[in-house]
Amino acid sequence: MAITTTISTEEFKRIAQLAYEGLPCTVSLHNNVSALTAESTLVEWDAEKLPSSNGYADFTVAALPVGGLDNGSDERWEIGETPGANTYVEAAFAAADQGFTYNSVVIRVGSGLYPHSILVEDPAITVAAGQTQTYRVQLLIDNI
């Protein structure tokens, strides 16, 4: 006997609204020399954030908009920088002067104590003056 479970797309929407809508989203670059993980606090991560120099600045979306259902093969509720499905937070980091080097990207949503997620670069990334490094981040609620 087979059982099939289907989660309502309206439930995806409800959860996404509670988790993301209207909250700020910040993407920042860090030199993780202390072996920090996704379970480390944002205070710990902030101690290893790149200084605001050589063109570096955190990328922030002041308030995440309403997401949208991707009716394609994904069947998930997606949240980005603009309203609707199939949108992303396009976090661009432009270097000036001497540029900068980092090995971790931290994504925070709202005012929690821990990151939403982290990305680890190995080897570290160097962005030279005049260059830009962009990360495309998509927040979502999925049934997997």
N, C-alpha and C. Protein backbone atom coordinates (compact mmCIF):
# COMPACT_ATOMS: atom_id res chain seq x y z
N MET A 1 0.85 -1.17 0.00
CA MET A 1 0.00 0.00 0.00
C MET A 1 0.90 1.24 0.00
N ALA A 2 0.68 2.13 -0.95
CA ALA A 2 1.48 3.36 -1.08
C ALA A 2 0.74 4.54 -0.45
N ILE A 3 1.50 5.40 0.18
CA ILE A 3 0.94 6.64 0.74
C ILE A 3 1.68 7.80 0.07
N THR A 4 0.91 8.75 -0.38
CA THR A 4 1.49 9.94 -1.00
C THR A 4 1.14 11.15 -0.16
N THR A 5 2.13 11.94 0.16
CA THR A 5 1.92 13.17 0.93
C THR A 5 2.21 14.37 0.04
N THR A 6 1.33 15.34 0.07
CA THR A 6 1.54 16.57 -0.69
C THR A 6 1.38 17.75 0.26
N ILE A 7 2.37 18.64 0.24
CA ILE A 7 2.31 19.84 1.06
C ILE A 7 1.69 20.95 0.22
N SER A 8 0.72 21.62 0.77
CA SER A 8 0.04 22.71 0.08
C SER A 8 1.00 23.84 -0.26
N THR A 9 0.86 24.38 -1.47
CA THR A 9 1.68 25.53 -1.83
C THR A 9 1.34 26.73 -0.94
N GLU A 10 0.14 26.80 -0.44
CA GLU A 10 -0.23 27.87 0.49
C GLU A 10 0.53 27.73 1.81
N GLU A 11 0.86 26.49 2.19
CA GLU A 11 1.68 26.27 3.39
C GLU A 11 3.10 26.75 3.15
N PHE A 12 3.64 26.47 1.95
CA PHE A 12 4.96 27.01 1.59
C PHE A 12 4.95 28.52 1.75
N LYS A 13 3.93 29.16 1.21
CA LYS A 13 3.81 30.63 1.26
C LYS A 13 3.75 31.11 2.71
N ARG A 14 2.94 30.46 3.53
CA ARG A 14 2.77 30.86 4.93
C ARG A 14 4.11 30.76 5.68
N ILE A 15 4.82 29.66 5.49
CA ILE A 15 6.10 29.46 6.17
C ILE A 15 7.12 30.50 5.68
N ALA A 16 7.17 30.74 4.38
CA ALA A 16 8.11 31.72 3.83
C ALA A 16 7.83 33.11 4.37
N GLN A 17 6.56 33.46 4.49
CA GLN A 17 6.21 34.78 5.02
C GLN A 17 6.68 34.91 6.47
N LEU A 18 6.51 33.87 7.26
CA LEU A 18 6.96 33.90 8.65
C LEU A 18 8.48 33.93 8.76
N ALA A 19 9.14 33.19 7.88
CA ALA A 19 10.60 33.05 7.99
C ALA A 19 11.37 34.21 7.37
N TYR A 20 10.84 34.84 6.31
CA TYR A 20 11.66 35.77 5.54
C TYR A 20 11.04 37.13 5.26
N GLU A 21 9.77 37.18 4.95
CA GLU A 21 9.18 38.41 4.43
C GLU A 21 9.34 39.60 5.37
N GLY A 22 9.86 40.70 4.81
CA GLY A 22 10.03 41.93 5.56
C GLY A 22 11.31 42.00 6.39
N LEU A 23 12.04 40.90 6.47
CA LEU A 23 13.27 40.88 7.27
C LEU A 23 14.47 41.34 6.43
N PRO A 24 15.46 41.95 7.08
CA PRO A 24 16.67 42.29 6.34
C PRO A 24 17.49 41.04 6.04
N CYS A 25 18.25 41.10 4.96
CA CYS A 25 19.15 40.01 4.58
C CYS A 25 20.50 40.63 4.28
N THR A 26 21.54 40.16 4.96
CA THR A 26 22.89 40.68 4.77
C THR A 26 23.83 39.55 4.35
N VAL A 27 24.64 39.84 3.35
CA VAL A 27 25.67 38.91 2.90
C VAL A 27 27.00 39.60 3.17
N SER A 28 27.91 38.91 3.87
CA SER A 28 29.18 39.52 4.25
C SER A 28 30.33 38.55 4.00
N LEU A 29 31.52 39.12 3.85
CA LEU A 29 32.73 38.34 3.58
C LEU A 29 33.62 38.30 4.82
N HIS A 30 34.28 37.15 5.04
CA HIS A 30 35.05 36.93 6.27
C HIS A 30 36.33 36.16 5.98
N ASN A 31 37.32 36.38 6.82
CA ASN A 31 38.53 35.55 6.85
C ASN A 31 38.41 34.66 8.07
N ASN A 32 37.95 33.45 7.86
CA ASN A 32 37.69 32.52 8.95
C ASN A 32 39.00 31.83 9.34
N VAL A 33 39.68 32.39 10.33
CA VAL A 33 40.92 31.80 10.82
C VAL A 33 40.71 31.02 12.11
N SER A 34 39.49 31.03 12.62
CA SER A 34 39.20 30.37 13.90
C SER A 34 38.38 29.09 13.74
N ALA A 35 38.29 28.57 12.52
CA ALA A 35 37.53 27.35 12.26
C ALA A 35 36.07 27.49 12.67
N LEU A 36 35.47 28.66 12.37
CA LEU A 36 34.05 28.86 12.68
C LEU A 36 33.20 28.01 11.76
N THR A 37 32.00 27.69 12.22
CA THR A 37 31.06 26.87 11.45
C THR A 37 29.71 27.57 11.40
N ALA A 38 28.75 26.95 10.77
CA ALA A 38 27.38 27.49 10.72
C ALA A 38 26.77 27.54 12.12
N GLU A 39 27.33 26.79 13.05
CA GLU A 39 26.83 26.79 14.43
C GLU A 39 27.49 27.86 15.29
N SER A 40 28.47 28.57 14.74
CA SER A 40 29.11 29.66 15.48
C SER A 40 28.18 30.87 15.48
N THR A 41 28.32 31.72 16.48
CA THR A 41 27.42 32.88 16.59
C THR A 41 27.83 33.97 15.60
N LEU A 42 26.90 34.87 15.33
CA LEU A 42 27.21 36.01 14.47
C LEU A 42 28.23 36.94 15.13
N VAL A 43 28.25 37.00 16.44
CA VAL A 43 29.28 37.79 17.13
C VAL A 43 30.66 37.23 16.80
N GLU A 44 30.79 35.90 16.83
CA GLU A 44 32.06 35.27 16.49
C GLU A 44 32.42 35.54 15.03
N TRP A 45 31.45 35.40 14.13
CA TRP A 45 31.69 35.66 12.72
C TRP A 45 32.06 37.13 12.49
N ASP A 46 31.38 38.04 13.15
CA ASP A 46 31.66 39.47 12.96
C ASP A 46 33.09 39.83 13.36
N ALA A 47 33.67 39.09 14.29
CA ALA A 47 35.06 39.34 14.69
C ALA A 47 36.03 39.02 13.56
N GLU A 48 35.57 38.25 12.56
CA GLU A 48 36.44 37.86 11.45
C GLU A 48 35.97 38.44 10.12
N LYS A 49 35.05 39.41 10.19
CA LYS A 49 34.54 40.05 8.98
C LYS A 49 35.60 40.98 8.40
N LEU A 50 35.61 41.11 7.09
CA LEU A 50 36.55 42.03 6.46
C LEU A 50 36.26 43.45 6.93
N PRO A 51 37.31 44.26 7.09
CA PRO A 51 37.09 45.65 7.46
C PRO A 51 36.49 46.43 6.28
N SER A 52 35.79 47.50 6.58
CA SER A 52 35.21 48.35 5.54
C SER A 52 36.31 49.22 4.93
N SER A 53 37.10 48.62 4.07
CA SER A 53 38.18 49.32 3.39
C SER A 53 38.42 48.65 2.04
N ASN A 54 39.19 49.28 1.20
CA ASN A 54 39.52 48.74 -0.12
C ASN A 54 38.27 48.41 -0.95
N GLY A 55 37.21 49.17 -0.72
CA GLY A 55 35.98 48.99 -1.47
C GLY A 55 34.99 48.03 -0.84
N TYR A 56 35.43 47.26 0.17
CA TYR A 56 34.53 46.27 0.76
C TYR A 56 33.44 46.92 1.61
N ALA A 57 32.21 46.42 1.43
CA ALA A 57 31.08 46.76 2.29
C ALA A 57 30.12 45.58 2.27
N ASP A 58 29.45 45.32 3.39
CA ASP A 58 28.42 44.28 3.42
C ASP A 58 27.38 44.59 2.37
N PHE A 59 26.74 43.54 1.86
CA PHE A 59 25.62 43.71 0.92
C PHE A 59 24.33 43.46 1.70
N THR A 60 23.41 44.41 1.68
CA THR A 60 22.19 44.28 2.48
C THR A 60 20.94 44.57 1.66
N VAL A 61 19.94 43.70 1.82
CA VAL A 61 18.59 43.96 1.34
C VAL A 61 17.81 44.39 2.58
N ALA A 62 17.29 45.62 2.59
CA ALA A 62 16.66 46.17 3.79
C ALA A 62 15.46 45.36 4.25
N ALA A 63 14.63 44.89 3.32
CA ALA A 63 13.45 44.09 3.67
C ALA A 63 13.17 43.12 2.53
N LEU A 64 13.22 41.83 2.83
CA LEU A 64 12.94 40.83 1.80
C LEU A 64 11.47 40.93 1.38
N PRO A 65 11.18 40.87 0.08
CA PRO A 65 9.81 41.00 -0.40
C PRO A 65 9.05 39.68 -0.35
N VAL A 66 7.83 39.72 -0.80
CA VAL A 66 7.01 38.52 -0.95
C VAL A 66 7.67 37.64 -1.99
N GLY A 67 7.79 36.37 -1.72
CA GLY A 67 8.36 35.44 -2.69
C GLY A 67 7.32 34.97 -3.67
N GLY A 68 7.59 33.85 -4.30
CA GLY A 68 6.64 33.30 -5.26
C GLY A 68 6.88 31.83 -5.46
N LEU A 69 5.84 31.15 -5.91
CA LEU A 69 5.91 29.72 -6.19
C LEU A 69 6.53 29.49 -7.55
N ASP A 70 7.58 28.69 -7.60
CA ASP A 70 8.17 28.27 -8.86
C ASP A 70 7.39 27.05 -9.31
N ASN A 71 6.52 27.24 -10.29
CA ASN A 71 5.66 26.15 -10.75
C ASN A 71 6.37 25.18 -11.68
N GLY A 72 7.64 25.39 -11.91
CA GLY A 72 8.40 24.48 -12.77
C GLY A 72 8.68 23.17 -12.06
N SER A 73 9.83 22.62 -12.32
CA SER A 73 10.16 21.33 -11.72
C SER A 73 10.49 21.45 -10.25
N ASP A 74 10.74 22.69 -9.77
CA ASP A 74 11.13 22.87 -8.37
C ASP A 74 9.98 22.71 -7.40
N GLU A 75 8.81 23.31 -7.74
CA GLU A 75 7.65 23.29 -6.83
C GLU A 75 8.05 23.74 -5.43
N ARG A 76 8.67 24.92 -5.37
CA ARG A 76 9.09 25.44 -4.08
C ARG A 76 8.81 26.94 -4.03
N TRP A 77 8.74 27.49 -2.85
CA TRP A 77 8.50 28.91 -2.65
C TRP A 77 9.85 29.61 -2.56
N GLU A 78 10.10 30.54 -3.48
CA GLU A 78 11.41 31.17 -3.59
C GLU A 78 11.34 32.65 -3.20
N ILE A 79 12.38 33.12 -2.53
CA ILE A 79 12.44 34.50 -2.06
C ILE A 79 13.78 35.08 -2.49
N GLY A 80 13.73 36.25 -3.13
CA GLY A 80 14.96 36.91 -3.56
C GLY A 80 14.91 38.39 -3.26
N GLU A 81 15.60 39.16 -4.07
CA GLU A 81 15.70 40.60 -3.86
C GLU A 81 14.47 41.36 -4.35
N THR A 82 13.76 40.76 -5.31
CA THR A 82 12.55 41.37 -5.86
C THR A 82 11.39 40.41 -5.69
N PRO A 83 10.14 40.90 -5.71
CA PRO A 83 8.98 40.02 -5.51
C PRO A 83 8.88 38.94 -6.59
N GLY A 84 8.30 37.80 -6.20
CA GLY A 84 8.02 36.73 -7.15
C GLY A 84 8.99 35.57 -7.08
N ALA A 85 8.71 34.57 -7.92
CA ALA A 85 9.54 33.37 -8.00
C ALA A 85 10.74 33.63 -8.90
N ASN A 86 11.70 32.71 -8.84
CA ASN A 86 12.91 32.76 -9.68
C ASN A 86 13.68 34.07 -9.50
N THR A 87 13.72 34.57 -8.28
CA THR A 87 14.51 35.77 -7.99
C THR A 87 15.62 35.40 -7.01
N TYR A 88 16.64 36.25 -6.97
CA TYR A 88 17.81 35.97 -6.15
C TYR A 88 18.26 37.23 -5.44
N VAL A 89 19.04 37.07 -4.41
CA VAL A 89 19.78 38.17 -3.83
C VAL A 89 21.13 38.16 -4.55
N GLU A 90 21.39 39.19 -5.34
CA GLU A 90 22.63 39.31 -6.12
C GLU A 90 23.61 40.16 -5.32
N ALA A 91 24.40 39.53 -4.49
CA ALA A 91 25.33 40.23 -3.61
C ALA A 91 26.65 40.45 -4.34
N ALA A 92 26.91 41.71 -4.71
CA ALA A 92 28.12 42.04 -5.45
C ALA A 92 29.10 42.77 -4.54
N PHE A 93 30.37 42.38 -4.62
CA PHE A 93 31.43 42.97 -3.81
C PHE A 93 32.52 43.48 -4.75
N ALA A 94 32.66 44.81 -4.81
CA ALA A 94 33.63 45.44 -5.71
C ALA A 94 34.85 45.89 -4.90
N ALA A 95 36.02 45.57 -5.43
CA ALA A 95 37.26 45.92 -4.74
C ALA A 95 37.86 47.21 -5.30
N ALA A 96 38.52 47.93 -4.43
CA ALA A 96 39.24 49.15 -4.82
C ALA A 96 40.62 49.11 -4.17
N ASP A 97 41.44 50.06 -4.50
CA ASP A 97 42.77 50.21 -3.89
C ASP A 97 43.55 48.89 -3.93
N GLN A 98 43.74 48.26 -2.78
CA GLN A 98 44.55 47.04 -2.72
C GLN A 98 43.72 45.76 -2.83
N GLY A 99 42.39 45.89 -2.95
CA GLY A 99 41.55 44.71 -3.04
C GLY A 99 41.42 44.01 -1.69
N PHE A 100 40.88 42.79 -1.70
CA PHE A 100 40.71 42.05 -0.45
C PHE A 100 40.67 40.55 -0.73
N THR A 101 40.94 39.79 0.33
CA THR A 101 40.94 38.32 0.28
C THR A 101 40.06 37.81 1.40
N TYR A 102 39.31 36.74 1.12
CA TYR A 102 38.42 36.16 2.11
C TYR A 102 38.24 34.67 1.82
N ASN A 103 37.73 33.94 2.81
CA ASN A 103 37.51 32.50 2.60
C ASN A 103 36.11 32.04 3.02
N SER A 104 35.28 32.97 3.48
CA SER A 104 33.93 32.57 3.90
C SER A 104 32.93 33.67 3.58
N VAL A 105 31.71 33.26 3.27
CA VAL A 105 30.59 34.16 3.02
C VAL A 105 29.52 33.81 4.04
N VAL A 106 29.02 34.82 4.74
CA VAL A 106 27.99 34.59 5.76
C VAL A 106 26.70 35.27 5.32
N ILE A 107 25.62 34.52 5.38
CA ILE A 107 24.29 35.04 5.04
C ILE A 107 23.48 35.09 6.32
N ARG A 108 22.96 36.27 6.61
CA ARG A 108 22.11 36.43 7.80
C ARG A 108 20.76 36.97 7.38
N VAL A 109 19.72 36.48 8.03
CA VAL A 109 18.37 36.95 7.79
C VAL A 109 17.78 37.34 9.14
N GLY A 110 17.26 38.56 9.21
CA GLY A 110 16.67 39.02 10.47
C GLY A 110 17.74 39.30 11.50
N SER A 111 17.33 39.17 12.76
CA SER A 111 18.23 39.55 13.86
C SER A 111 18.58 38.38 14.77
N GLY A 112 18.66 37.19 14.20
CA GLY A 112 19.00 36.02 15.00
C GLY A 112 20.43 36.04 15.50
N LEU A 113 20.77 35.09 16.32
CA LEU A 113 22.11 34.99 16.90
C LEU A 113 23.08 34.19 16.03
N TYR A 114 22.54 33.44 15.05
CA TYR A 114 23.34 32.54 14.23
C TYR A 114 23.12 32.85 12.76
N PRO A 115 24.08 32.48 11.91
CA PRO A 115 23.90 32.72 10.48
C PRO A 115 22.73 31.90 9.92
N HIS A 116 22.16 32.40 8.85
CA HIS A 116 21.21 31.60 8.07
C HIS A 116 21.99 30.46 7.43
N SER A 117 23.13 30.83 6.83
CA SER A 117 23.98 29.84 6.18
C SER A 117 25.36 30.45 5.94
N ILE A 118 26.32 29.58 5.63
CA ILE A 118 27.66 30.04 5.29
C ILE A 118 28.12 29.33 4.02
N LEU A 119 29.01 29.98 3.30
CA LEU A 119 29.67 29.39 2.15
C LEU A 119 31.16 29.42 2.45
N VAL A 120 31.85 28.34 2.22
CA VAL A 120 33.29 28.29 2.48
C VAL A 120 34.02 28.18 1.15
N GLU A 121 34.97 29.08 0.93
CA GLU A 121 35.79 29.09 -0.29
C GLU A 121 37.14 28.46 0.03
N ASP A 122 37.53 27.45 -0.74
CA ASP A 122 38.82 26.81 -0.55
C ASP A 122 39.40 26.50 -1.93
N PRO A 123 40.40 27.21 -2.36
CA PRO A 123 41.20 28.17 -1.62
C PRO A 123 40.48 29.51 -1.47
N ALA A 124 41.10 30.38 -0.68
CA ALA A 124 40.53 31.71 -0.45
C ALA A 124 40.43 32.47 -1.78
N ILE A 125 39.51 33.42 -1.81
CA ILE A 125 39.27 34.25 -3.00
C ILE A 125 39.94 35.60 -2.81
N THR A 126 40.67 36.05 -3.81
CA THR A 126 41.23 37.40 -3.81
C THR A 126 40.53 38.20 -4.90
N VAL A 127 40.00 39.36 -4.51
CA VAL A 127 39.35 40.26 -5.45
C VAL A 127 40.28 41.47 -5.59
N ALA A 128 40.85 41.63 -6.76
CA ALA A 128 41.79 42.73 -7.00
C ALA A 128 41.04 44.03 -7.27
N ALA A 129 41.72 45.14 -7.11
CA ALA A 129 41.13 46.45 -7.38
C ALA A 129 40.52 46.47 -8.77
N GLY A 130 39.30 46.98 -8.86
CA GLY A 130 38.60 47.05 -10.15
C GLY A 130 37.80 45.81 -10.49
N GLN A 131 37.93 44.75 -9.71
CA GLN A 131 37.18 43.52 -9.96
C GLN A 131 35.98 43.44 -9.01
N THR A 132 35.01 42.62 -9.40
CA THR A 132 33.81 42.40 -8.58
C THR A 132 33.56 40.91 -8.47
N GLN A 133 33.23 40.46 -7.28
CA GLN A 133 32.83 39.07 -7.03
C GLN A 133 31.35 39.10 -6.64
N THR A 134 30.55 38.29 -7.30
CA THR A 134 29.10 38.28 -7.05
C THR A 134 28.66 36.91 -6.59
N TYR A 135 27.78 36.90 -5.60
CA TYR A 135 27.14 35.67 -5.13
C TYR A 135 25.65 35.79 -5.37
N ARG A 136 25.06 34.75 -5.94
CA ARG A 136 23.63 34.70 -6.21
C ARG A 136 23.02 33.78 -5.17
N VAL A 137 22.24 34.38 -4.26
CA VAL A 137 21.66 33.64 -3.14
C VAL A 137 20.15 33.56 -3.33
N GLN A 138 19.61 32.37 -3.18
CA GLN A 138 18.16 32.22 -3.24
C GLN A 138 17.68 31.55 -1.95
N LEU A 139 16.78 32.22 -1.28
CA LEU A 139 16.16 31.67 -0.08
C LEU A 139 14.91 30.93 -0.52
N LEU A 140 14.60 29.82 0.12
CA LEU A 140 13.42 29.07 -0.33
C LEU A 140 12.86 28.17 0.75
N ILE A 141 11.63 27.80 0.51
CA ILE A 141 10.95 26.79 1.33
C ILE A 141 10.62 25.65 0.37
N ASP A 142 11.05 24.46 0.71
CA ASP A 142 10.93 23.31 -0.18
C ASP A 142 10.29 22.15 0.58
N ASN A 143 9.80 21.17 -0.13
CA ASN A 143 9.19 20.03 0.53
C ASN A 143 10.14 18.85 0.66
N ILE A 144 11.42 19.07 0.46
CA ILE A 144 12.40 17.99 0.54
C ILE A 144 12.96 17.92 1.95
